[in-house]
Amino acid sequence: MKKLAFLILAVVAAFTHQTALAQDSKTETFKVYGNCGMCKKRIEKSATGEGISKAEWNVETKIMTVVYDPAKTSNAAIQKKIAAVGHDTEKEKAADSIYNKLPGCCLYDRGKTDKQTDHSGHHR
């Protein structure tokens, strides 16, 4: 009986801890410019790290969804990490020197970043 009570207590404690973690998480979306599957891999990889539990970029809509712990990172910090690998975001512009090193299929028109271009055949 003691083992069963301990097991139930352990399960309840784990569930409570998970619920508390989920409540502390923040989910946000923002625009990130890119074109193809190669961009997707680069963008999502750059947005990983401590405090970030999800980073998913949609190639078609250009919308990045992040779930993170605001005690460990911020939306602004995540956007800076993405810009550091060559992709402009709503609030951060990538350095020209980094953007210019992206593969040709990943070079989006920076003057028309709201214009969607069909790159459906690229690197998916």
PDB file of N, CA and C in Angstrom:
ATOM      1  N   MET A   1       0.817  -1.200   0.000  1.00  0.00           N
ATOM      2  CA  MET A   1       0.000   0.000   0.000  1.00  0.00           C
ATOM      3  C   MET A   1       0.862   1.266   0.000  1.00  0.00           C
ATOM      4  N   LYS A   2       1.986   1.234   0.728  1.00  0.00           N
ATOM      5  CA  LYS A   2       2.878   2.385   0.761  1.00  0.00           C
ATOM      6  C   LYS A   2       3.433   2.676  -0.629  1.00  0.00           C
ATOM      7  N   LYS A   3       3.761   1.584  -1.367  1.00  0.00           N
ATOM      8  CA  LYS A   3       4.304   1.762  -2.714  1.00  0.00           C
ATOM      9  C   LYS A   3       3.285   2.428  -3.626  1.00  0.00           C
ATOM     10  N   LEU A   4       2.034   2.024  -3.522  1.00  0.00           N
ATOM     11  CA  LEU A   4       0.973   2.609  -4.357  1.00  0.00           C
ATOM     12  C   LEU A   4       0.775   4.081  -4.013  1.00  0.00           C
ATOM     13  N   ALA A   5       0.750   4.403  -2.745  1.00  0.00           N
ATOM     14  CA  ALA A   5       0.593   5.798  -2.313  1.00  0.00           C
ATOM     15  C   ALA A   5       1.764   6.644  -2.811  1.00  0.00           C
ATOM     16  N   PHE A   6       2.976   6.098  -2.716  1.00  0.00           N
ATOM     17  CA  PHE A   6       4.157   6.822  -3.191  1.00  0.00           C
ATOM     18  C   PHE A   6       4.093   7.037  -4.702  1.00  0.00           C
ATOM     19  N   LEU A   7       3.677   5.999  -5.430  1.00  0.00           N
ATOM     20  CA  LEU A   7       3.556   6.105  -6.884  1.00  0.00           C
ATOM     21  C   LEU A   7       2.536   7.175  -7.268  1.00  0.00           C
ATOM     22  N   ILE A   8       1.405   7.181  -6.618  1.00  0.00           N
ATOM     23  CA  ILE A   8       0.370   8.185  -6.905  1.00  0.00           C
ATOM     24  C   ILE A   8       0.897   9.582  -6.588  1.00  0.00           C
ATOM     25  N   LEU A   9       1.570   9.726  -5.476  1.00  0.00           N
ATOM     26  CA  LEU A   9       2.143  11.016  -5.098  1.00  0.00           C
ATOM     27  C   LEU A   9       3.176  11.473  -6.123  1.00  0.00           C
ATOM     28  N   ALA A  10       4.013  10.561  -6.595  1.00  0.00           N
ATOM     29  CA  ALA A  10       5.037  10.897  -7.587  1.00  0.00           C
ATOM     30  C   ALA A  10       4.393  11.350  -8.896  1.00  0.00           C
ATOM     31  N   VAL A  11       3.352  10.667  -9.331  1.00  0.00           N
ATOM     32  CA  VAL A  11       2.659  11.030 -10.570  1.00  0.00           C
ATOM     33  C   VAL A  11       2.017  12.409 -10.430  1.00  0.00           C
ATOM     34  N   VAL A  12       1.364  12.664  -9.317  1.00  0.00           N
ATOM     35  CA  VAL A  12       0.730  13.963  -9.089  1.00  0.00           C
ATOM     36  C   VAL A  12       1.788  15.069  -9.051  1.00  0.00           C
ATOM     37  N   ALA A  13       2.910  14.822  -8.399  1.00  0.00           N
ATOM     38  CA  ALA A  13       3.976  15.823  -8.323  1.00  0.00           C
ATOM     39  C   ALA A  13       4.545  16.111  -9.707  1.00  0.00           C
ATOM     40  N   ALA A  14       4.761  15.081 -10.512  1.00  0.00           N
ATOM     41  CA  ALA A  14       5.290  15.270 -11.870  1.00  0.00           C
ATOM     42  C   ALA A  14       4.299  16.048 -12.725  1.00  0.00           C
ATOM     43  N   PHE A  15       3.029  15.717 -12.629  1.00  0.00           N
ATOM     44  CA  PHE A  15       2.005  16.419 -13.401  1.00  0.00           C
ATOM     45  C   PHE A  15       1.929  17.883 -12.989  1.00  0.00           C
ATOM     46  N   THR A  16       1.983  18.142 -11.695  1.00  0.00           N
ATOM     47  CA  THR A  16       1.941  19.516 -11.190  1.00  0.00           C
ATOM     48  C   THR A  16       3.141  20.304 -11.696  1.00  0.00           C
ATOM     49  N   HIS A  17       4.310  19.677 -11.698  1.00  0.00           N
ATOM     50  CA  HIS A  17       5.521  20.338 -12.187  1.00  0.00           C
ATOM     51  C   HIS A  17       5.391  20.656 -13.674  1.00  0.00           C
ATOM     52  N   GLN A  18       4.914  19.707 -14.478  1.00  0.00           N
ATOM     53  CA  GLN A  18       4.730  19.924 -15.913  1.00  0.00           C
ATOM     54  C   GLN A  18       3.720  21.043 -16.156  1.00  0.00           C
ATOM     55  N   THR A  19       2.639  21.056 -15.423  1.00  0.00           N
ATOM     56  CA  THR A  19       1.619  22.095 -15.577  1.00  0.00           C
ATOM     57  C   THR A  19       2.208  23.456 -15.239  1.00  0.00           C
ATOM     58  N   ALA A  20       2.999  23.518 -14.193  1.00  0.00           N
ATOM     59  CA  ALA A  20       3.629  24.785 -13.813  1.00  0.00           C
ATOM     60  C   ALA A  20       4.577  25.257 -14.903  1.00  0.00           C
ATOM     61  N   LEU A  21       5.338  24.330 -15.487  1.00  0.00           N
ATOM     62  CA  LEU A  21       6.237  24.706 -16.574  1.00  0.00           C
ATOM     63  C   LEU A  21       5.455  25.215 -17.772  1.00  0.00           C
ATOM     64  N   ALA A  22       4.367  24.554 -18.113  1.00  0.00           N
ATOM     65  CA  ALA A  22       3.560  24.975 -19.260  1.00  0.00           C
ATOM     66  C   ALA A  22       2.964  26.354 -19.029  1.00  0.00           C
ATOM     67  N   GLN A  23       2.593  26.651 -17.789  1.00  0.00           N
ATOM     68  CA  GLN A  23       2.002  27.954 -17.497  1.00  0.00           C
ATOM     69  C   GLN A  23       3.046  29.064 -17.592  1.00  0.00           C
ATOM     70  N   ASP A  24       4.301  28.738 -17.342  1.00  0.00           N
ATOM     71  CA  ASP A  24       5.366  29.731 -17.415  1.00  0.00           C
ATOM     72  C   ASP A  24       5.809  30.003 -18.846  1.00  0.00           C
ATOM     73  N   SER A  25       5.474  29.099 -19.761  1.00  0.00           N
ATOM     74  CA  SER A  25       5.882  29.251 -21.157  1.00  0.00           C
ATOM     75  C   SER A  25       5.058  30.327 -21.842  1.00  0.00           C
ATOM     76  N   LYS A  26       5.674  30.938 -22.822  1.00  0.00           N
ATOM     77  CA  LYS A  26       5.017  31.965 -23.604  1.00  0.00           C
ATOM     78  C   LYS A  26       5.087  31.543 -25.067  1.00  0.00           C
ATOM     79  N   THR A  27       3.970  31.656 -25.786  1.00  0.00           N
ATOM     80  CA  THR A  27       3.924  31.333 -27.206  1.00  0.00           C
ATOM     81  C   THR A  27       3.729  32.623 -27.982  1.00  0.00           C
ATOM     82  N   GLU A  28       4.599  32.840 -28.973  1.00  0.00           N
ATOM     83  CA  GLU A  28       4.492  34.042 -29.792  1.00  0.00           C
ATOM     84  C   GLU A  28       4.779  33.700 -31.246  1.00  0.00           C
ATOM     85  N   THR A  29       4.269  34.541 -32.119  1.00  0.00           N
ATOM     86  CA  THR A  29       4.529  34.389 -33.554  1.00  0.00           C
ATOM     87  C   THR A  29       5.060  35.708 -34.097  1.00  0.00           C
ATOM     88  N   PHE A  30       5.895  35.590 -35.133  1.00  0.00           N
ATOM     89  CA  PHE A  30       6.402  36.769 -35.814  1.00  0.00           C
ATOM     90  C   PHE A  30       6.875  36.363 -37.200  1.00  0.00           C
ATOM     91  N   LYS A  31       7.031  37.337 -38.066  1.00  0.00           N
ATOM     92  CA  LYS A  31       7.432  37.112 -39.449  1.00  0.00           C
ATOM     93  C   LYS A  31       8.951  36.939 -39.536  1.00  0.00           C
ATOM     94  N   VAL A  32       9.365  35.945 -40.339  1.00  0.00           N
ATOM     95  CA  VAL A  32      10.780  35.734 -40.645  1.00  0.00           C
ATOM     96  C   VAL A  32      10.868  35.510 -42.145  1.00  0.00           C
ATOM     97  N   TYR A  33      11.774  36.188 -42.796  1.00  0.00           N
ATOM     98  CA  TYR A  33      11.868  36.110 -44.251  1.00  0.00           C
ATOM     99  C   TYR A  33      12.854  35.041 -44.701  1.00  0.00           C
ATOM    100  N   GLY A  34      12.425  34.277 -45.677  1.00  0.00           N
ATOM    101  CA  GLY A  34      13.196  33.196 -46.247  1.00  0.00           C
ATOM    102  C   GLY A  34      12.375  32.592 -47.372  1.00  0.00           C
ATOM    103  N   ASN A  35      12.890  31.560 -48.013  1.00  0.00           N
ATOM    104  CA  ASN A  35      12.227  31.030 -49.195  1.00  0.00           C
ATOM    105  C   ASN A  35      11.930  29.541 -49.203  1.00  0.00           C
ATOM    106  N   CYS A  36      12.791  28.736 -48.618  1.00  0.00           N
ATOM    107  CA  CYS A  36      12.721  27.312 -48.917  1.00  0.00           C
ATOM    108  C   CYS A  36      13.003  26.438 -47.694  1.00  0.00           C
ATOM    109  N   GLY A  37      13.099  25.150 -47.955  1.00  0.00           N
ATOM    110  CA  GLY A  37      13.383  24.188 -46.900  1.00  0.00           C
ATOM    111  C   GLY A  37      14.742  24.387 -46.247  1.00  0.00           C
ATOM    112  N   MET A  38      15.719  24.827 -47.035  1.00  0.00           N
ATOM    113  CA  MET A  38      17.032  25.127 -46.445  1.00  0.00           C
ATOM    114  C   MET A  38      16.913  26.280 -45.453  1.00  0.00           C
ATOM    115  N   CYS A  39      16.127  27.279 -45.819  1.00  0.00           N
ATOM    116  CA  CYS A  39      15.896  28.408 -44.911  1.00  0.00           C
ATOM    117  C   CYS A  39      15.230  27.906 -43.630  1.00  0.00           C
ATOM    118  N   LYS A  40      14.223  27.051 -43.789  1.00  0.00           N
ATOM    119  CA  LYS A  40      13.489  26.512 -42.644  1.00  0.00           C
ATOM    120  C   LYS A  40      14.443  25.854 -41.651  1.00  0.00           C
ATOM    121  N   LYS A  41      15.315  24.991 -42.142  1.00  0.00           N
ATOM    122  CA  LYS A  41      16.263  24.310 -41.256  1.00  0.00           C
ATOM    123  C   LYS A  41      17.162  25.310 -40.541  1.00  0.00           C
ATOM    124  N   ARG A  42      17.679  26.281 -41.282  1.00  0.00           N
ATOM    125  CA  ARG A  42      18.592  27.287 -40.714  1.00  0.00           C
ATOM    126  C   ARG A  42      17.885  28.139 -39.667  1.00  0.00           C
ATOM    127  N   ILE A  43      16.682  28.601 -40.002  1.00  0.00           N
ATOM    128  CA  ILE A  43      15.915  29.470 -39.100  1.00  0.00           C
ATOM    129  C   ILE A  43      15.559  28.726 -37.814  1.00  0.00           C
ATOM    130  N   GLU A  44      15.004  27.524 -37.958  1.00  0.00           N
ATOM    131  CA  GLU A  44      14.592  26.769 -36.774  1.00  0.00           C
ATOM    132  C   GLU A  44      15.787  26.382 -35.902  1.00  0.00           C
ATOM    133  N   LYS A  45      16.888  26.002 -36.526  1.00  0.00           N
ATOM    134  CA  LYS A  45      18.087  25.648 -35.759  1.00  0.00           C
ATOM    135  C   LYS A  45      18.611  26.844 -34.979  1.00  0.00           C
ATOM    136  N   SER A  46      18.583  28.021 -35.612  1.00  0.00           N
ATOM    137  CA  SER A  46      19.099  29.220 -34.936  1.00  0.00           C
ATOM    138  C   SER A  46      18.248  29.617 -33.738  1.00  0.00           C
ATOM    139  N   ALA A  47      16.979  29.245 -33.768  1.00  0.00           N
ATOM    140  CA  ALA A  47      16.051  29.647 -32.707  1.00  0.00           C
ATOM    141  C   ALA A  47      15.949  28.613 -31.595  1.00  0.00           C
ATOM    142  N   THR A  48      16.888  27.694 -31.537  1.00  0.00           N
ATOM    143  CA  THR A  48      16.883  26.731 -30.438  1.00  0.00           C
ATOM    144  C   THR A  48      17.821  27.219 -29.349  1.00  0.00           C
ATOM    145  N   GLY A  49      17.683  26.647 -28.189  1.00  0.00           N
ATOM    146  CA  GLY A  49      18.569  27.014 -27.096  1.00  0.00           C
ATOM    147  C   GLY A  49      17.858  26.975 -25.764  1.00  0.00           C
ATOM    148  N   GLU A  50      18.571  27.370 -24.733  1.00  0.00           N
ATOM    149  CA  GLU A  50      18.024  27.326 -23.390  1.00  0.00           C
ATOM    150  C   GLU A  50      16.761  28.182 -23.280  1.00  0.00           C
ATOM    151  N   GLY A  51      15.739  27.590 -22.732  1.00  0.00           N
ATOM    152  CA  GLY A  51      14.486  28.297 -22.518  1.00  0.00           C
ATOM    153  C   GLY A  51      13.531  28.233 -23.689  1.00  0.00           C
ATOM    154  N   ILE A  52      13.958  27.666 -24.811  1.00  0.00           N
ATOM    155  CA  ILE A  52      13.094  27.581 -25.994  1.00  0.00           C
ATOM    156  C   ILE A  52      12.652  26.133 -26.169  1.00  0.00           C
ATOM    157  N   SER A  53      11.351  25.890 -26.071  1.00  0.00           N
ATOM    158  CA  SER A  53      10.860  24.517 -26.184  1.00  0.00           C
ATOM    159  C   SER A  53      10.291  24.207 -27.563  1.00  0.00           C
ATOM    160  N   LYS A  54      10.006  25.240 -28.359  1.00  0.00           N
ATOM    161  CA  LYS A  54       9.504  25.007 -29.716  1.00  0.00           C
ATOM    162  C   LYS A  54       9.913  26.177 -30.596  1.00  0.00           C
ATOM    163  N   ALA A  55      10.351  25.846 -31.810  1.00  0.00           N
ATOM    164  CA  ALA A  55      10.663  26.858 -32.813  1.00  0.00           C
ATOM    165  C   ALA A  55      10.275  26.266 -34.161  1.00  0.00           C
ATOM    166  N   GLU A  56       9.193  26.768 -34.729  1.00  0.00           N
ATOM    167  CA  GLU A  56       8.700  26.224 -35.994  1.00  0.00           C
ATOM    168  C   GLU A  56       8.387  27.353 -36.961  1.00  0.00           C
ATOM    169  N   TRP A  57       8.998  27.289 -38.154  1.00  0.00           N
ATOM    170  CA  TRP A  57       8.802  28.309 -39.180  1.00  0.00           C
ATOM    171  C   TRP A  57       8.030  27.717 -40.342  1.00  0.00           C
ATOM    172  N   ASN A  58       7.007  28.428 -40.802  1.00  0.00           N
ATOM    173  CA  ASN A  58       6.192  27.990 -41.928  1.00  0.00           C
ATOM    174  C   ASN A  58       6.711  28.639 -43.207  1.00  0.00           C
ATOM    175  N   VAL A  59       7.168  27.812 -44.153  1.00  0.00           N
ATOM    176  CA  VAL A  59       7.750  28.292 -45.405  1.00  0.00           C
ATOM    177  C   VAL A  59       6.755  29.131 -46.195  1.00  0.00           C
ATOM    178  N   GLU A  60       5.509  28.717 -46.216  1.00  0.00           N
ATOM    179  CA  GLU A  60       4.492  29.402 -47.024  1.00  0.00           C
ATOM    180  C   GLU A  60       4.077  30.754 -46.434  1.00  0.00           C
ATOM    181  N   THR A  61       3.799  30.782 -45.137  1.00  0.00           N
ATOM    182  CA  THR A  61       3.290  32.011 -44.510  1.00  0.00           C
ATOM    183  C   THR A  61       4.392  32.920 -43.981  1.00  0.00           C
ATOM    184  N   LYS A  62       5.612  32.362 -43.843  1.00  0.00           N
ATOM    185  CA  LYS A  62       6.775  33.080 -43.286  1.00  0.00           C
ATOM    186  C   LYS A  62       6.595  33.388 -41.796  1.00  0.00           C
ATOM    187  N   ILE A  63       5.699  32.657 -41.128  1.00  0.00           N
ATOM    188  CA  ILE A  63       5.426  32.898 -39.709  1.00  0.00           C
ATOM    189  C   ILE A  63       6.201  31.909 -38.843  1.00  0.00           C
ATOM    190  N   MET A  64       6.916  32.458 -37.884  1.00  0.00           N
ATOM    191  CA  MET A  64       7.670  31.686 -36.904  1.00  0.00           C
ATOM    192  C   MET A  64       6.842  31.594 -35.639  1.00  0.00           C
ATOM    193  N   THR A  65       6.711  30.392 -35.108  1.00  0.00           N
ATOM    194  CA  THR A  65       6.033  30.177 -33.831  1.00  0.00           C
ATOM    195  C   THR A  65       7.072  29.684 -32.844  1.00  0.00           C
ATOM    196  N   VAL A  66       7.183  30.384 -31.734  1.00  0.00           N
ATOM    197  CA  VAL A  66       8.122  29.987 -30.694  1.00  0.00           C
ATOM    198  C   VAL A  66       7.396  29.836 -29.365  1.00  0.00           C
ATOM    199  N   VAL A  67       7.825  28.840 -28.617  1.00  0.00           N
ATOM    200  CA  VAL A  67       7.350  28.644 -27.251  1.00  0.00           C
ATOM    201  C   VAL A  67       8.601  28.704 -26.386  1.00  0.00           C
ATOM    202  N   TYR A  68       8.599  29.611 -25.431  1.00  0.00           N
ATOM    203  CA  TYR A  68       9.814  29.809 -24.641  1.00  0.00           C
ATOM    204  C   TYR A  68       9.486  30.220 -23.220  1.00  0.00           C
ATOM    205  N   ASP A  69      10.480  30.106 -22.372  1.00  0.00           N
ATOM    206  CA  ASP A  69      10.380  30.503 -20.977  1.00  0.00           C
ATOM    207  C   ASP A  69      10.894  31.941 -20.879  1.00  0.00           C
ATOM    208  N   PRO A  70      10.015  32.904 -20.600  1.00  0.00           N
ATOM    209  CA  PRO A  70      10.439  34.309 -20.549  1.00  0.00           C
ATOM    210  C   PRO A  70      11.433  34.615 -19.426  1.00  0.00           C
ATOM    211  N   ALA A  71      11.606  33.692 -18.491  1.00  0.00           N
ATOM    212  CA  ALA A  71      12.612  33.894 -17.446  1.00  0.00           C
ATOM    213  C   ALA A  71      14.016  33.586 -17.976  1.00  0.00           C
ATOM    214  N   LYS A  72      14.090  32.867 -19.115  1.00  0.00           N
ATOM    215  CA  LYS A  72      15.383  32.458 -19.654  1.00  0.00           C
ATOM    216  C   LYS A  72      15.756  33.138 -20.967  1.00  0.00           C
ATOM    217  N   THR A  73      14.772  33.601 -21.729  1.00  0.00           N
ATOM    218  CA  THR A  73      15.041  34.272 -23.001  1.00  0.00           C
ATOM    219  C   THR A  73      13.877  35.198 -23.336  1.00  0.00           C
ATOM    220  N   SER A  74      13.955  35.855 -24.466  1.00  0.00           N
ATOM    221  CA  SER A  74      12.889  36.781 -24.861  1.00  0.00           C
ATOM    222  C   SER A  74      12.645  36.685 -26.361  1.00  0.00           C
ATOM    223  N   ASN A  75      11.532  37.217 -26.792  1.00  0.00           N
ATOM    224  CA  ASN A  75      11.207  37.281 -28.214  1.00  0.00           C
ATOM    225  C   ASN A  75      12.314  38.045 -28.942  1.00  0.00           C
ATOM    226  N   ALA A  76      12.742  39.156 -28.388  1.00  0.00           N
ATOM    227  CA  ALA A  76      13.790  39.973 -29.018  1.00  0.00           C
ATOM    228  C   ALA A  76      15.089  39.191 -29.161  1.00  0.00           C
ATOM    229  N   ALA A  77      15.458  38.432 -28.148  1.00  0.00           N
ATOM    230  CA  ALA A  77      16.687  37.637 -28.204  1.00  0.00           C
ATOM    231  C   ALA A  77      16.583  36.558 -29.273  1.00  0.00           C
ATOM    232  N   ILE A  78      15.416  35.938 -29.402  1.00  0.00           N
ATOM    233  CA  ILE A  78      15.211  34.903 -30.415  1.00  0.00           C
ATOM    234  C   ILE A  78      15.312  35.522 -31.811  1.00  0.00           C
ATOM    235  N   GLN A  79      14.694  36.681 -32.000  1.00  0.00           N
ATOM    236  CA  GLN A  79      14.766  37.341 -33.303  1.00  0.00           C
ATOM    237  C   GLN A  79      16.201  37.742 -33.645  1.00  0.00           C
ATOM    238  N   LYS A  80      16.979  38.130 -32.667  1.00  0.00           N
ATOM    239  CA  LYS A  80      18.393  38.470 -32.911  1.00  0.00           C
ATOM    240  C   LYS A  80      19.176  37.233 -33.343  1.00  0.00           C
ATOM    241  N   LYS A  81      18.873  36.083 -32.737  1.00  0.00           N
ATOM    242  CA  LYS A  81      19.559  34.843 -33.111  1.00  0.00           C
ATOM    243  C   LYS A  81      19.251  34.482 -34.565  1.00  0.00           C
ATOM    244  N   ILE A  82      18.012  34.690 -34.979  1.00  0.00           N
ATOM    245  CA  ILE A  82      17.613  34.376 -36.356  1.00  0.00           C
ATOM    246  C   ILE A  82      18.306  35.331 -37.330  1.00  0.00           C
ATOM    247  N   ALA A  83      18.328  36.601 -37.002  1.00  0.00           N
ATOM    248  CA  ALA A  83      18.989  37.584 -37.866  1.00  0.00           C
ATOM    249  C   ALA A  83      20.489  37.294 -37.967  1.00  0.00           C
ATOM    250  N   ALA A  84      21.063  36.731 -36.920  1.00  0.00           N
ATOM    251  CA  ALA A  84      22.495  36.427 -36.917  1.00  0.00           C
ATOM    252  C   ALA A  84      22.879  35.360 -37.942  1.00  0.00           C
ATOM    253  N   VAL A  85      21.890  34.587 -38.438  1.00  0.00           N
ATOM    254  CA  VAL A  85      22.188  33.574 -39.464  1.00  0.00           C
ATOM    255  C   VAL A  85      21.730  34.022 -40.848  1.00  0.00           C
ATOM    256  N   GLY A  86      21.299  35.285 -40.973  1.00  0.00           N
ATOM    257  CA  GLY A  86      21.014  35.836 -42.297  1.00  0.00           C
ATOM    258  C   GLY A  86      19.573  36.078 -42.663  1.00  0.00           C
ATOM    259  N   HIS A  87      18.654  35.911 -41.730  1.00  0.00           N
ATOM    260  CA  HIS A  87      17.234  36.083 -42.057  1.00  0.00           C
ATOM    261  C   HIS A  87      16.635  37.263 -41.297  1.00  0.00           C
ATOM    262  N   ASP A  88      16.059  38.187 -42.049  1.00  0.00           N
ATOM    263  CA  ASP A  88      15.391  39.329 -41.437  1.00  0.00           C
ATOM    264  C   ASP A  88      14.128  38.857 -40.730  1.00  0.00           C
ATOM    265  N   THR A  89      13.801  39.527 -39.632  1.00  0.00           N
ATOM    266  CA  THR A  89      12.561  39.268 -38.908  1.00  0.00           C
ATOM    267  C   THR A  89      11.794  40.584 -38.841  1.00  0.00           C
ATOM    268  N   GLU A  90      10.663  40.542 -38.168  1.00  0.00           N
ATOM    269  CA  GLU A  90       9.874  41.771 -38.004  1.00  0.00           C
ATOM    270  C   GLU A  90      10.674  42.887 -37.348  1.00  0.00           C
ATOM    271  N   LYS A  91      11.519  42.518 -36.382  1.00  0.00           N
ATOM    272  CA  LYS A  91      12.203  43.541 -35.588  1.00  0.00           C
ATOM    273  C   LYS A  91      13.716  43.582 -35.757  1.00  0.00           C
ATOM    274  N   GLU A  92      14.281  42.599 -36.445  1.00  0.00           N
ATOM    275  CA  GLU A  92      15.736  42.542 -36.602  1.00  0.00           C
ATOM    276  C   GLU A  92      16.099  42.345 -38.064  1.00  0.00           C
ATOM    277  N   LYS A  93      17.084  43.099 -38.520  1.00  0.00           N
ATOM    278  CA  LYS A  93      17.579  42.938 -39.882  1.00  0.00           C
ATOM    279  C   LYS A  93      18.938  42.258 -39.827  1.00  0.00           C
ATOM    280  N   ALA A  94      19.103  41.245 -40.655  1.00  0.00           N
ATOM    281  CA  ALA A  94      20.382  40.534 -40.725  1.00  0.00           C
ATOM    282  C   ALA A  94      21.446  41.446 -41.325  1.00  0.00           C
ATOM    283  N   ALA A  95      22.667  41.261 -40.891  1.00  0.00           N
ATOM    284  CA  ALA A  95      23.782  42.013 -41.472  1.00  0.00           C
ATOM    285  C   ALA A  95      23.906  41.630 -42.945  1.00  0.00           C
ATOM    286  N   ASP A  96      24.164  42.619 -43.793  1.00  0.00           N
ATOM    287  CA  ASP A  96      24.303  42.363 -45.229  1.00  0.00           C
ATOM    288  C   ASP A  96      25.380  41.314 -45.500  1.00  0.00           C
ATOM    289  N   SER A  97      26.467  41.357 -44.759  1.00  0.00           N
ATOM    290  CA  SER A  97      27.567  40.417 -44.979  1.00  0.00           C
ATOM    291  C   SER A  97      27.134  38.965 -44.732  1.00  0.00           C
ATOM    292  N   ILE A  98      26.242  38.758 -43.794  1.00  0.00           N
ATOM    293  CA  ILE A  98      25.753  37.405 -43.509  1.00  0.00           C
ATOM    294  C   ILE A  98      24.677  37.016 -44.524  1.00  0.00           C
ATOM    295  N   TYR A  99      23.746  37.923 -44.794  1.00  0.00           N
ATOM    296  CA  TYR A  99      22.692  37.662 -45.783  1.00  0.00           C
ATOM    297  C   TYR A  99      23.300  37.288 -47.131  1.00  0.00           C
ATOM    298  N   ASN A 100      24.320  38.003 -47.565  1.00  0.00           N
ATOM    299  CA  ASN A 100      24.938  37.772 -48.874  1.00  0.00           C
ATOM    300  C   ASN A 100      25.637  36.427 -48.991  1.00  0.00           C
ATOM    301  N   LYS A 101      25.895  35.752 -47.879  1.00  0.00           N
ATOM    302  CA  LYS A 101      26.532  34.435 -47.900  1.00  0.00           C
ATOM    303  C   LYS A 101      25.521  33.288 -47.969  1.00  0.00           C
ATOM    304  N   LEU A 102      24.226  33.612 -47.900  1.00  0.00           N
ATOM    305  CA  LEU A 102      23.208  32.564 -47.990  1.00  0.00           C
ATOM    306  C   LEU A 102      23.236  31.946 -49.386  1.00  0.00           C
ATOM    307  N   PRO A 103      22.831  30.668 -49.518  1.00  0.00           N
ATOM    308  CA  PRO A 103      22.723  30.068 -50.856  1.00  0.00           C
ATOM    309  C   PRO A 103      21.752  30.872 -51.715  1.00  0.00           C
ATOM    310  N   GLY A 104      21.949  30.835 -53.020  1.00  0.00           N
ATOM    311  CA  GLY A 104      21.133  31.622 -53.949  1.00  0.00           C
ATOM    312  C   GLY A 104      19.633  31.459 -53.771  1.00  0.00           C
ATOM    313  N   CYS A 105      19.183  30.232 -53.532  1.00  0.00           N
ATOM    314  CA  CYS A 105      17.738  30.011 -53.397  1.00  0.00           C
ATOM    315  C   CYS A 105      17.181  30.624 -52.117  1.00  0.00           C
ATOM    316  N   CYS A 106      18.048  30.962 -51.186  1.00  0.00           N
ATOM    317  CA  CYS A 106      17.619  31.525 -49.901  1.00  0.00           C
ATOM    318  C   CYS A 106      17.621  33.058 -49.895  1.00  0.00           C
ATOM    319  N   LEU A 107      18.109  33.665 -50.969  1.00  0.00           N
ATOM    320  CA  LEU A 107      18.177  35.126 -51.027  1.00  0.00           C
ATOM    321  C   LEU A 107      16.815  35.692 -51.417  1.00  0.00           C
ATOM    322  N   TYR A 108      16.072  36.116 -50.428  1.00  0.00           N
ATOM    323  CA  TYR A 108      14.770  36.747 -50.647  1.00  0.00           C
ATOM    324  C   TYR A 108      14.993  38.205 -51.005  1.00  0.00           C
ATOM    325  N   ASP A 109      14.022  38.824 -51.642  1.00  0.00           N
ATOM    326  CA  ASP A 109      14.130  40.231 -52.030  1.00  0.00           C
ATOM    327  C   ASP A 109      13.936  41.085 -50.785  1.00  0.00           C
ATOM    328  N   ARG A 110      15.004  41.646 -50.279  1.00  0.00           N
ATOM    329  CA  ARG A 110      14.938  42.414 -49.035  1.00  0.00           C
ATOM    330  C   ARG A 110      14.164  43.712 -49.178  1.00  0.00           C
ATOM    331  N   GLY A 111      14.041  44.223 -50.388  1.00  0.00           N
ATOM    332  CA  GLY A 111      13.266  45.438 -50.606  1.00  0.00           C
ATOM    333  C   GLY A 111      11.776  45.175 -50.637  1.00  0.00           C
ATOM    334  N   LYS A 112      11.428  43.921 -50.838  1.00  0.00           N
ATOM    335  CA  LYS A 112      10.010  43.545 -50.925  1.00  0.00           C
ATOM    336  C   LYS A 112       9.764  42.329 -50.047  1.00  0.00           C
ATOM    337  N   THR A 113      10.124  42.416 -48.789  1.00  0.00           N
ATOM    338  CA  THR A 113      10.041  41.255 -47.917  1.00  0.00           C
ATOM    339  C   THR A 113       8.617  40.800 -47.646  1.00  0.00           C
ATOM    340  N   ASP A 114       7.632  41.614 -47.926  1.00  0.00           N
ATOM    341  CA  ASP A 114       6.248  41.179 -47.743  1.00  0.00           C
ATOM    342  C   ASP A 114       5.717  40.442 -48.966  1.00  0.00           C
ATOM    343  N   LYS A 115       6.438  40.529 -50.079  1.00  0.00           N
ATOM    344  CA  LYS A 115       6.013  39.857 -51.300  1.00  0.00           C
ATOM    345  C   LYS A 115       6.346  38.377 -51.189  1.00  0.00           C
ATOM    346  N   GLN A 116       5.376  37.522 -51.438  1.00  0.00           N
ATOM    347  CA  GLN A 116       5.619  36.090 -51.383  1.00  0.00           C
ATOM    348  C   GLN A 116       5.975  35.584 -52.763  1.00  0.00           C
ATOM    349  N   THR A 117       7.038  34.835 -52.830  1.00  0.00           N
ATOM    350  CA  THR A 117       7.509  34.262 -54.077  1.00  0.00           C
ATOM    351  C   THR A 117       7.348  32.756 -53.994  1.00  0.00           C
ATOM    352  N   ASP A 118       6.987  32.125 -55.106  1.00  0.00           N
ATOM    353  CA  ASP A 118       6.821  30.680 -55.120  1.00  0.00           C
ATOM    354  C   ASP A 118       8.176  29.994 -55.253  1.00  0.00           C
ATOM    355  N   HIS A 119       8.575  29.328 -54.202  1.00  0.00           N
ATOM    356  CA  HIS A 119       9.811  28.554 -54.208  1.00  0.00           C
ATOM    357  C   HIS A 119       9.480  27.116 -53.832  1.00  0.00           C
ATOM    358  N   SER A 120       8.314  26.651 -54.261  1.00  0.00           N
ATOM    359  CA  SER A 120       7.830  25.340 -53.842  1.00  0.00           C
ATOM    360  C   SER A 120       8.716  24.198 -54.301  1.00  0.00           C
ATOM    361  N   GLY A 121       9.517  24.388 -55.327  1.00  0.00           N
ATOM    362  CA  GLY A 121      10.374  23.323 -55.799  1.00  0.00           C
ATOM    363  C   GLY A 121      11.735  23.286 -55.144  1.00  0.00           C
ATOM    364  N   HIS A 122      11.999  24.185 -54.226  1.00  0.00           N
ATOM    365  CA  HIS A 122      13.334  24.301 -53.620  1.00  0.00           C
ATOM    366  C   HIS A 122      13.473  23.514 -52.341  1.00  0.00           C
ATOM    367  N   HIS A 123      14.370  22.598 -52.291  1.00  0.00           N
ATOM    368  CA  HIS A 123      14.913  21.959 -51.092  1.00  0.00           C
ATOM    369  C   HIS A 123      13.891  21.570 -50.038  1.00  0.00           C
ATOM    370  N   ARG A 124      12.848  20.947 -50.382  1.00  0.00           N
ATOM    371  CA  ARG A 124      11.885  20.505 -49.350  1.00  0.00           C
ATOM    372  C   ARG A 124      12.096  19.093 -48.973  1.00  0.00           C
TER     373      ARG A 124
END
